[in-house]
Amino acid sequence: MRINQVTINEHGLPQPDQRIVEPDGTLGIVEIPADYLTLKARDHGLAVAWREHTRILFQTAFQAGYLVTDFIYLREERFPRSYYMLTHGEGRLG
């Protein structure tokens, strides 16, 4: 399940949709900017919006019992994409 939607704006930068889908089920996927430092250098306001977006998103997911269990980086020709995989369940070391 995709928890957030992302579009590429007219400047070629990832733009988060303000809607966040409540996690439901065993797995969830969260898209984040593939190159946050470049995004921040090109559009500081958008970088701040991403920080707020992901803060709310991860707080919601963690409170619902999800854990980050994987990271996926898709290197496409024009716009690379990055995702965190979330899994619902108990997490512990050892």
PDB file of N, CA and C in Angstrom:
ATOM      1  N   MET A   1       0.842  -1.167   0.000  1.00  0.00           N
ATOM      2  CA  MET A   1       0.000   0.000   0.000  1.00  0.00           C
ATOM      3  C   MET A   1       0.892   1.236   0.000  1.00  0.00           C
ATOM      4  N   ARG A   2       0.618   2.131  -0.900  1.00  0.00           N
ATOM      5  CA  ARG A   2       1.339   3.399  -0.975  1.00  0.00           C
ATOM      6  C   ARG A   2       0.708   4.354   0.037  1.00  0.00           C
ATOM      7  N   ILE A   3       1.528   4.855   0.959  1.00  0.00           N
ATOM      8  CA  ILE A   3       1.023   5.719   2.034  1.00  0.00           C
ATOM      9  C   ILE A   3       0.996   7.183   1.605  1.00  0.00           C
ATOM     10  N   ASN A   4       1.897   7.573   0.720  1.00  0.00           N
ATOM     11  CA  ASN A   4       1.882   8.952   0.223  1.00  0.00           C
ATOM     12  C   ASN A   4       2.019   8.958  -1.288  1.00  0.00           C
ATOM     13  N   GLN A   5       1.494   9.986  -1.912  1.00  0.00           N
ATOM     14  CA  GLN A   5       1.603  10.160  -3.355  1.00  0.00           C
ATOM     15  C   GLN A   5       2.587  11.291  -3.637  1.00  0.00           C
ATOM     16  N   VAL A   6       3.393  11.119  -4.664  1.00  0.00           N
ATOM     17  CA  VAL A   6       4.399  12.108  -5.030  1.00  0.00           C
ATOM     18  C   VAL A   6       4.282  12.372  -6.529  1.00  0.00           C
ATOM     19  N   THR A   7       4.355  13.638  -6.898  1.00  0.00           N
ATOM     20  CA  THR A   7       4.400  14.013  -8.304  1.00  0.00           C
ATOM     21  C   THR A   7       5.716  14.759  -8.547  1.00  0.00           C
ATOM     22  N   ILE A   8       6.090  14.879  -9.788  1.00  0.00           N
ATOM     23  CA  ILE A   8       7.267  15.653 -10.161  1.00  0.00           C
ATOM     24  C   ILE A   8       6.763  17.002 -10.657  1.00  0.00           C
ATOM     25  N   ASN A   9       7.221  18.093 -10.033  1.00  0.00           N
ATOM     26  CA  ASN A   9       6.718  19.420 -10.402  1.00  0.00           C
ATOM     27  C   ASN A   9       7.390  19.928 -11.679  1.00  0.00           C
ATOM     28  N   GLU A  10       7.019  21.137 -12.099  1.00  0.00           N
ATOM     29  CA  GLU A  10       7.519  21.709 -13.357  1.00  0.00           C
ATOM     30  C   GLU A  10       9.025  21.964 -13.354  1.00  0.00           C
ATOM     31  N   HIS A  11       9.656  21.929 -12.183  1.00  0.00           N
ATOM     32  CA  HIS A  11      11.101  22.116 -12.068  1.00  0.00           C
ATOM     33  C   HIS A  11      11.852  20.789 -11.951  1.00  0.00           C
ATOM     34  N   GLY A  12      11.121  19.680 -12.095  1.00  0.00           N
ATOM     35  CA  GLY A  12      11.737  18.364 -12.012  1.00  0.00           C
ATOM     36  C   GLY A  12      12.006  17.899 -10.596  1.00  0.00           C
ATOM     37  N   LEU A  13      11.330  18.530  -9.613  1.00  0.00           N
ATOM     38  CA  LEU A  13      11.522  18.175  -8.206  1.00  0.00           C
ATOM     39  C   LEU A  13      10.308  17.407  -7.674  1.00  0.00           C
ATOM     40  N   PRO A  14      10.535  16.439  -6.782  1.00  0.00           N
ATOM     41  CA  PRO A  14       9.414  15.686  -6.218  1.00  0.00           C
ATOM     42  C   PRO A  14       8.573  16.565  -5.296  1.00  0.00           C
ATOM     43  N   GLN A  15       7.277  16.474  -5.469  1.00  0.00           N
ATOM     44  CA  GLN A  15       6.317  17.281  -4.707  1.00  0.00           C
ATOM     45  C   GLN A  15       5.409  16.325  -3.937  1.00  0.00           C
ATOM     46  N   PRO A  16       5.386  16.408  -2.587  1.00  0.00           N
ATOM     47  CA  PRO A  16       4.509  15.509  -1.846  1.00  0.00           C
ATOM     48  C   PRO A  16       3.052  15.973  -1.919  1.00  0.00           C
ATOM     49  N   ASP A  17       2.155  15.022  -2.015  1.00  0.00           N
ATOM     50  CA  ASP A  17       0.727  15.314  -1.902  1.00  0.00           C
ATOM     51  C   ASP A  17       0.454  15.498  -0.415  1.00  0.00           C
ATOM     52  N   GLN A  18      -0.367  16.443  -0.051  1.00  0.00           N
ATOM     53  CA  GLN A  18      -0.619  16.711   1.361  1.00  0.00           C
ATOM     54  C   GLN A  18      -1.455  15.614   2.014  1.00  0.00           C
ATOM     55  N   ARG A  19      -2.100  14.790   1.221  1.00  0.00           N
ATOM     56  CA  ARG A  19      -2.879  13.685   1.791  1.00  0.00           C
ATOM     57  C   ARG A  19      -1.955  12.542   2.182  1.00  0.00           C
ATOM     58  N   ILE A  20      -2.219  11.997   3.338  1.00  0.00           N
ATOM     59  CA  ILE A  20      -1.480  10.829   3.811  1.00  0.00           C
ATOM     60  C   ILE A  20      -2.511   9.744   4.079  1.00  0.00           C
ATOM     61  N   VAL A  21      -2.315   8.577   3.466  1.00  0.00           N
ATOM     62  CA  VAL A  21      -3.218   7.455   3.654  1.00  0.00           C
ATOM     63  C   VAL A  21      -2.828   6.739   4.943  1.00  0.00           C
ATOM     64  N   GLU A  22      -3.802   6.504   5.806  1.00  0.00           N
ATOM     65  CA  GLU A  22      -3.532   5.751   7.040  1.00  0.00           C
ATOM     66  C   GLU A  22      -3.020   4.361   6.660  1.00  0.00           C
ATOM     67  N   PRO A  23      -1.915   3.933   7.237  1.00  0.00           N
ATOM     68  CA  PRO A  23      -1.410   2.585   6.933  1.00  0.00           C
ATOM     69  C   PRO A  23      -2.461   1.527   7.276  1.00  0.00           C
ATOM     70  N   ASP A  24      -2.542   0.521   6.432  1.00  0.00           N
ATOM     71  CA  ASP A  24      -3.517  -0.543   6.635  1.00  0.00           C
ATOM     72  C   ASP A  24      -2.941  -1.817   6.010  1.00  0.00           C
ATOM     73  N   GLY A  25      -2.899  -2.883   6.742  1.00  0.00           N
ATOM     74  CA  GLY A  25      -2.349  -4.117   6.214  1.00  0.00           C
ATOM     75  C   GLY A  25      -0.948  -4.364   6.743  1.00  0.00           C
ATOM     76  N   THR A  26      -0.284  -5.319   6.129  1.00  0.00           N
ATOM     77  CA  THR A  26       1.031  -5.743   6.600  1.00  0.00           C
ATOM     78  C   THR A  26       2.161  -4.863   6.096  1.00  0.00           C
ATOM     79  N   LEU A  27       2.066  -4.397   4.854  1.00  0.00           N
ATOM     80  CA  LEU A  27       3.148  -3.637   4.243  1.00  0.00           C
ATOM     81  C   LEU A  27       2.684  -2.257   3.802  1.00  0.00           C
ATOM     82  N   GLY A  28       3.601  -1.308   3.850  1.00  0.00           N
ATOM     83  CA  GLY A  28       3.345   0.034   3.341  1.00  0.00           C
ATOM     84  C   GLY A  28       4.600   0.552   2.675  1.00  0.00           C
ATOM     85  N   ILE A  29       4.428   1.490   1.759  1.00  0.00           N
ATOM     86  CA  ILE A  29       5.576   2.072   1.078  1.00  0.00           C
ATOM     87  C   ILE A  29       5.451   3.591   1.140  1.00  0.00           C
ATOM     88  N   VAL A  30       6.570   4.234   1.476  1.00  0.00           N
ATOM     89  CA  VAL A  30       6.625   5.685   1.624  1.00  0.00           C
ATOM     90  C   VAL A  30       7.677   6.221   0.670  1.00  0.00           C
ATOM     91  N   GLU A  31       7.282   7.148  -0.213  1.00  0.00           N
ATOM     92  CA  GLU A  31       8.259   7.745  -1.108  1.00  0.00           C
ATOM     93  C   GLU A  31       8.866   8.984  -0.464  1.00  0.00           C
ATOM     94  N   ILE A  32      10.167   9.134  -0.638  1.00  0.00           N
ATOM     95  CA  ILE A  32      10.899  10.310  -0.166  1.00  0.00           C
ATOM     96  C   ILE A  32      11.729  10.843  -1.335  1.00  0.00           C
ATOM     97  N   PRO A  33      12.228  12.072  -1.257  1.00  0.00           N
ATOM     98  CA  PRO A  33      13.084  12.565  -2.338  1.00  0.00           C
ATOM     99  C   PRO A  33      14.339  11.705  -2.486  1.00  0.00           C
ATOM    100  N   ALA A  34      14.676  11.386  -3.723  1.00  0.00           N
ATOM    101  CA  ALA A  34      15.859  10.558  -3.981  1.00  0.00           C
ATOM    102  C   ALA A  34      17.150  11.309  -3.672  1.00  0.00           C
ATOM    103  N   ASP A  35      17.122  12.636  -3.790  1.00  0.00           N
ATOM    104  CA  ASP A  35      18.313  13.449  -3.521  1.00  0.00           C
ATOM    105  C   ASP A  35      17.882  14.694  -2.744  1.00  0.00           C
ATOM    106  N   TYR A  36      17.727  14.531  -1.443  1.00  0.00           N
ATOM    107  CA  TYR A  36      17.220  15.618  -0.596  1.00  0.00           C
ATOM    108  C   TYR A  36      18.146  16.831  -0.601  1.00  0.00           C
ATOM    109  N   LEU A  37      19.452  16.640  -0.624  1.00  0.00           N
ATOM    110  CA  LEU A  37      20.378  17.770  -0.581  1.00  0.00           C
ATOM    111  C   LEU A  37      20.263  18.649  -1.827  1.00  0.00           C
ATOM    112  N   THR A  38      20.093  18.039  -2.983  1.00  0.00           N
ATOM    113  CA  THR A  38      19.883  18.817  -4.207  1.00  0.00           C
ATOM    114  C   THR A  38      18.544  19.533  -4.145  1.00  0.00           C
ATOM    115  N   LEU A  39      17.517  18.839  -3.675  1.00  0.00           N
ATOM    116  CA  LEU A  39      16.200  19.451  -3.512  1.00  0.00           C
ATOM    117  C   LEU A  39      16.292  20.674  -2.608  1.00  0.00           C
ATOM    118  N   LYS A  40      16.984  20.539  -1.484  1.00  0.00           N
ATOM    119  CA  LYS A  40      17.129  21.639  -0.527  1.00  0.00           C
ATOM    120  C   LYS A  40      17.874  22.824  -1.144  1.00  0.00           C
ATOM    121  N   ALA A  41      18.891  22.548  -1.930  1.00  0.00           N
ATOM    122  CA  ALA A  41      19.661  23.614  -2.571  1.00  0.00           C
ATOM    123  C   ALA A  41      18.837  24.347  -3.629  1.00  0.00           C
ATOM    124  N   ARG A  42      17.969  23.615  -4.301  1.00  0.00           N
ATOM    125  CA  ARG A  42      17.182  24.218  -5.383  1.00  0.00           C
ATOM    126  C   ARG A  42      15.896  24.882  -4.896  1.00  0.00           C
ATOM    127  N   ASP A  43      15.281  24.339  -3.833  1.00  0.00           N
ATOM    128  CA  ASP A  43      14.003  24.886  -3.358  1.00  0.00           C
ATOM    129  C   ASP A  43      13.878  24.623  -1.855  1.00  0.00           C
ATOM    130  N   HIS A  44      14.385  25.569  -1.064  1.00  0.00           N
ATOM    131  CA  HIS A  44      14.404  25.394   0.389  1.00  0.00           C
ATOM    132  C   HIS A  44      12.991  25.228   0.953  1.00  0.00           C
ATOM    133  N   GLY A  45      12.027  25.965   0.449  1.00  0.00           N
ATOM    134  CA  GLY A  45      10.646  25.850   0.931  1.00  0.00           C
ATOM    135  C   GLY A  45      10.070  24.465   0.698  1.00  0.00           C
ATOM    136  N   LEU A  46      10.350  23.879  -0.452  1.00  0.00           N
ATOM    137  CA  LEU A  46       9.888  22.528  -0.745  1.00  0.00           C
ATOM    138  C   LEU A  46      10.583  21.522   0.169  1.00  0.00           C
ATOM    139  N   ALA A  47      11.857  21.738   0.462  1.00  0.00           N
ATOM    140  CA  ALA A  47      12.577  20.851   1.381  1.00  0.00           C
ATOM    141  C   ALA A  47      11.943  20.886   2.774  1.00  0.00           C
ATOM    142  N   VAL A  48      11.563  22.064   3.230  1.00  0.00           N
ATOM    143  CA  VAL A  48      10.889  22.194   4.534  1.00  0.00           C
ATOM    144  C   VAL A  48       9.539  21.481   4.496  1.00  0.00           C
ATOM    145  N   ALA A  49       8.816  21.619   3.385  1.00  0.00           N
ATOM    146  CA  ALA A  49       7.522  20.934   3.238  1.00  0.00           C
ATOM    147  C   ALA A  49       7.707  19.419   3.305  1.00  0.00           C
ATOM    148  N   TRP A  50       8.786  18.916   2.691  1.00  0.00           N
ATOM    149  CA  TRP A  50       9.073  17.490   2.762  1.00  0.00           C
ATOM    150  C   TRP A  50       9.362  17.043   4.200  1.00  0.00           C
ATOM    151  N   ARG A  51      10.108  17.842   4.945  1.00  0.00           N
ATOM    152  CA  ARG A  51      10.419  17.501   6.343  1.00  0.00           C
ATOM    153  C   ARG A  51       9.138  17.368   7.160  1.00  0.00           C
ATOM    154  N   GLU A  52       8.242  18.323   7.000  1.00  0.00           N
ATOM    155  CA  GLU A  52       6.968  18.288   7.725  1.00  0.00           C
ATOM    156  C   GLU A  52       6.128  17.091   7.290  1.00  0.00           C
ATOM    157  N   HIS A  53       6.078  16.866   5.981  1.00  0.00           N
ATOM    158  CA  HIS A  53       5.293  15.762   5.427  1.00  0.00           C
ATOM    159  C   HIS A  53       5.769  14.418   5.983  1.00  0.00           C
ATOM    160  N   THR A  54       7.079  14.194   5.926  1.00  0.00           N
ATOM    161  CA  THR A  54       7.594  12.905   6.399  1.00  0.00           C
ATOM    162  C   THR A  54       7.505  12.770   7.915  1.00  0.00           C
ATOM    163  N   ARG A  55       7.637  13.871   8.641  1.00  0.00           N
ATOM    164  CA  ARG A  55       7.502  13.804  10.103  1.00  0.00           C
ATOM    165  C   ARG A  55       6.106  13.307  10.472  1.00  0.00           C
ATOM    166  N   ILE A  56       5.095  13.908   9.895  1.00  0.00           N
ATOM    167  CA  ILE A  56       3.710  13.498  10.183  1.00  0.00           C
ATOM    168  C   ILE A  56       3.472  12.069   9.717  1.00  0.00           C
ATOM    169  N   LEU A  57       3.954  11.752   8.534  1.00  0.00           N
ATOM    170  CA  LEU A  57       3.754  10.426   7.964  1.00  0.00           C
ATOM    171  C   LEU A  57       4.363   9.334   8.840  1.00  0.00           C
ATOM    172  N   PHE A  58       5.629   9.511   9.220  1.00  0.00           N
ATOM    173  CA  PHE A  58       6.281   8.475  10.025  1.00  0.00           C
ATOM    174  C   PHE A  58       5.722   8.418  11.443  1.00  0.00           C
ATOM    175  N   GLN A  59       5.377   9.536  12.038  1.00  0.00           N
ATOM    176  CA  GLN A  59       4.747   9.503  13.364  1.00  0.00           C
ATOM    177  C   GLN A  59       3.457   8.700  13.318  1.00  0.00           C
ATOM    178  N   THR A  60       2.660   8.936  12.295  1.00  0.00           N
ATOM    179  CA  THR A  60       1.398   8.208  12.137  1.00  0.00           C
ATOM    180  C   THR A  60       1.652   6.710  11.979  1.00  0.00           C
ATOM    181  N   ALA A  61       2.604   6.356  11.127  1.00  0.00           N
ATOM    182  CA  ALA A  61       2.894   4.944  10.874  1.00  0.00           C
ATOM    183  C   ALA A  61       3.472   4.256  12.110  1.00  0.00           C
ATOM    184  N   PHE A  62       4.406   4.909  12.803  1.00  0.00           N
ATOM    185  CA  PHE A  62       5.016   4.298  13.980  1.00  0.00           C
ATOM    186  C   PHE A  62       3.994   4.115  15.097  1.00  0.00           C
ATOM    187  N   GLN A  63       3.102   5.078  15.266  1.00  0.00           N
ATOM    188  CA  GLN A  63       2.057   4.953  16.288  1.00  0.00           C
ATOM    189  C   GLN A  63       1.091   3.820  15.965  1.00  0.00           C
ATOM    190  N   ALA A  64       0.956   3.500  14.676  1.00  0.00           N
ATOM    191  CA  ALA A  64       0.069   2.411  14.259  1.00  0.00           C
ATOM    192  C   ALA A  64       0.767   1.053  14.302  1.00  0.00           C
ATOM    193  N   GLY A  65       2.042   1.026  14.736  1.00  0.00           N
ATOM    194  CA  GLY A  65       2.750  -0.239  14.887  1.00  0.00           C
ATOM    195  C   GLY A  65       3.602  -0.658  13.699  1.00  0.00           C
ATOM    196  N   TYR A  66       3.906   0.270  12.799  1.00  0.00           N
ATOM    197  CA  TYR A  66       4.748  -0.049  11.648  1.00  0.00           C
ATOM    198  C   TYR A  66       6.211   0.241  11.945  1.00  0.00           C
ATOM    199  N   LEU A  67       7.092  -0.501  11.284  1.00  0.00           N
ATOM    200  CA  LEU A  67       8.538  -0.345  11.400  1.00  0.00           C
ATOM    201  C   LEU A  67       9.117  -0.169  10.003  1.00  0.00           C
ATOM    202  N   VAL A  68      10.194   0.571   9.885  1.00  0.00           N
ATOM    203  CA  VAL A  68      10.911   0.651   8.616  1.00  0.00           C
ATOM    204  C   VAL A  68      11.744  -0.609   8.505  1.00  0.00           C
ATOM    205  N   THR A  69      11.549  -1.364   7.417  1.00  0.00           N
ATOM    206  CA  THR A  69      12.246  -2.642   7.271  1.00  0.00           C
ATOM    207  C   THR A  69      13.106  -2.732   6.014  1.00  0.00           C
ATOM    208  N   ASP A  70      12.990  -1.758   5.117  1.00  0.00           N
ATOM    209  CA  ASP A  70      13.796  -1.824   3.907  1.00  0.00           C
ATOM    210  C   ASP A  70      13.836  -0.447   3.245  1.00  0.00           C
ATOM    211  N   PHE A  71      14.795  -0.275   2.355  1.00  0.00           N
ATOM    212  CA  PHE A  71      14.922   0.947   1.573  1.00  0.00           C
ATOM    213  C   PHE A  71      15.097   0.545   0.122  1.00  0.00           C
ATOM    214  N   ILE A  72      14.380   1.202  -0.774  1.00  0.00           N
ATOM    215  CA  ILE A  72      14.430   0.877  -2.195  1.00  0.00           C
ATOM    216  C   ILE A  72      14.821   2.141  -2.958  1.00  0.00           C
ATOM    217  N   TYR A  73      15.816   2.029  -3.819  1.00  0.00           N
ATOM    218  CA  TYR A  73      16.230   3.145  -4.670  1.00  0.00           C
ATOM    219  C   TYR A  73      16.114   2.693  -6.117  1.00  0.00           C
ATOM    220  N   LEU A  74      15.265   3.381  -6.872  1.00  0.00           N
ATOM    221  CA  LEU A  74      15.078   3.062  -8.282  1.00  0.00           C
ATOM    222  C   LEU A  74      15.738   4.145  -9.123  1.00  0.00           C
ATOM    223  N   ARG A  75      16.783   3.761  -9.804  1.00  0.00           N
ATOM    224  CA  ARG A  75      17.527   4.707 -10.633  1.00  0.00           C
ATOM    225  C   ARG A  75      16.921   4.670 -12.032  1.00  0.00           C
ATOM    226  N   GLU A  76      16.096   5.663 -12.301  1.00  0.00           N
ATOM    227  CA  GLU A  76      15.479   5.759 -13.619  1.00  0.00           C
ATOM    228  C   GLU A  76      16.286   6.733 -14.462  1.00  0.00           C
ATOM    229  N   GLU A  77      16.028   6.763 -15.749  1.00  0.00           N
ATOM    230  CA  GLU A  77      16.795   7.633 -16.631  1.00  0.00           C
ATOM    231  C   GLU A  77      16.640   9.104 -16.295  1.00  0.00           C
ATOM    232  N   ARG A  78      15.419   9.536 -15.981  1.00  0.00           N
ATOM    233  CA  ARG A  78      15.202  10.965 -15.771  1.00  0.00           C
ATOM    234  C   ARG A  78      15.004  11.342 -14.313  1.00  0.00           C
ATOM    235  N   PHE A  79      14.174  10.610 -13.575  1.00  0.00           N
ATOM    236  CA  PHE A  79      13.862  10.946 -12.179  1.00  0.00           C
ATOM    237  C   PHE A  79      14.041   9.713 -11.289  1.00  0.00           C
ATOM    238  N   PRO A  80      15.156   9.625 -10.557  1.00  0.00           N
ATOM    239  CA  PRO A  80      15.306   8.517  -9.602  1.00  0.00           C
ATOM    240  C   PRO A  80      14.227   8.604  -8.524  1.00  0.00           C
ATOM    241  N   ARG A  81      13.836   7.475  -7.952  1.00  0.00           N
ATOM    242  CA  ARG A  81      12.818   7.442  -6.904  1.00  0.00           C
ATOM    243  C   ARG A  81      13.352   6.635  -5.720  1.00  0.00           C
ATOM    244  N   SER A  82      12.992   7.060  -4.498  1.00  0.00           N
ATOM    245  CA  SER A  82      13.418   6.382  -3.275  1.00  0.00           C
ATOM    246  C   SER A  82      12.202   6.088  -2.412  1.00  0.00           C
ATOM    247  N   TYR A  83      12.213   4.916  -1.784  1.00  0.00           N
ATOM    248  CA  TYR A  83      11.087   4.477  -0.970  1.00  0.00           C
ATOM    249  C   TYR A  83      11.569   3.796   0.307  1.00  0.00           C
ATOM    250  N   TYR A  84      10.833   4.003   1.374  1.00  0.00           N
ATOM    251  CA  TYR A  84      10.995   3.198   2.580  1.00  0.00           C
ATOM    252  C   TYR A  84       9.873   2.174   2.590  1.00  0.00           C
ATOM    253  N   MET A  85      10.225   0.933   2.915  1.00  0.00           N
ATOM    254  CA  MET A  85       9.233  -0.124   3.075  1.00  0.00           C
ATOM    255  C   MET A  85       8.905  -0.220   4.555  1.00  0.00           C
ATOM    256  N   LEU A  86       7.621  -0.204   4.880  1.00  0.00           N
ATOM    257  CA  LEU A  86       7.167  -0.325   6.263  1.00  0.00           C
ATOM    258  C   LEU A  86       6.467  -1.664   6.432  1.00  0.00           C
ATOM    259  N   THR A  87       6.703  -2.291   7.557  1.00  0.00           N
ATOM    260  CA  THR A  87       6.076  -3.558   7.876  1.00  0.00           C
ATOM    261  C   THR A  87       5.385  -3.436   9.220  1.00  0.00           C
ATOM    262  N   HIS A  88       4.177  -3.941   9.303  1.00  0.00           N
ATOM    263  CA  HIS A  88       3.456  -3.902  10.568  1.00  0.00           C
ATOM    264  C   HIS A  88       3.864  -5.100  11.409  1.00  0.00           C
ATOM    265  N   GLY A  89       4.160  -4.850  12.674  1.00  0.00           N
ATOM    266  CA  GLY A  89       4.508  -5.954  13.543  1.00  0.00           C
ATOM    267  C   GLY A  89       5.450  -5.550  14.633  1.00  0.00           C
ATOM    268  N   GLU A  90       5.822  -6.532  15.403  1.00  0.00           N
ATOM    269  CA  GLU A  90       6.703  -6.286  16.543  1.00  0.00           C
ATOM    270  C   GLU A  90       8.150  -6.284  16.088  1.00  0.00           C
ATOM    271  N   GLY A  91       8.896  -5.332  16.567  1.00  0.00           N
ATOM    272  CA  GLY A  91      10.306  -5.273  16.237  1.00  0.00           C
ATOM    273  C   GLY A  91      11.156  -5.353  17.489  1.00  0.00           C
ATOM    274  N   ARG A  92      12.150  -6.203  17.430  1.00  0.00           N
ATOM    275  CA  ARG A  92      13.068  -6.281  18.562  1.00  0.00           C
ATOM    276  C   ARG A  92      14.365  -6.891  18.083  1.00  0.00           C
ATOM    277  N   LEU A  93      15.422  -6.526  18.762  1.00  0.00           N
ATOM    278  CA  LEU A  93      16.732  -7.067  18.432  1.00  0.00           C
ATOM    279  C   LEU A  93      17.047  -8.244  19.328  1.00  0.00           C
ATOM    280  N   GLY A  94      17.749  -9.223  18.769  1.00  0.00           N
ATOM    281  CA  GLY A  94      18.212 -10.329  19.599  1.00  0.00           C
ATOM    282  C   GLY A  94      17.429 -11.524  19.590  1.00  0.00           C
TER     283      GLY A  94
END
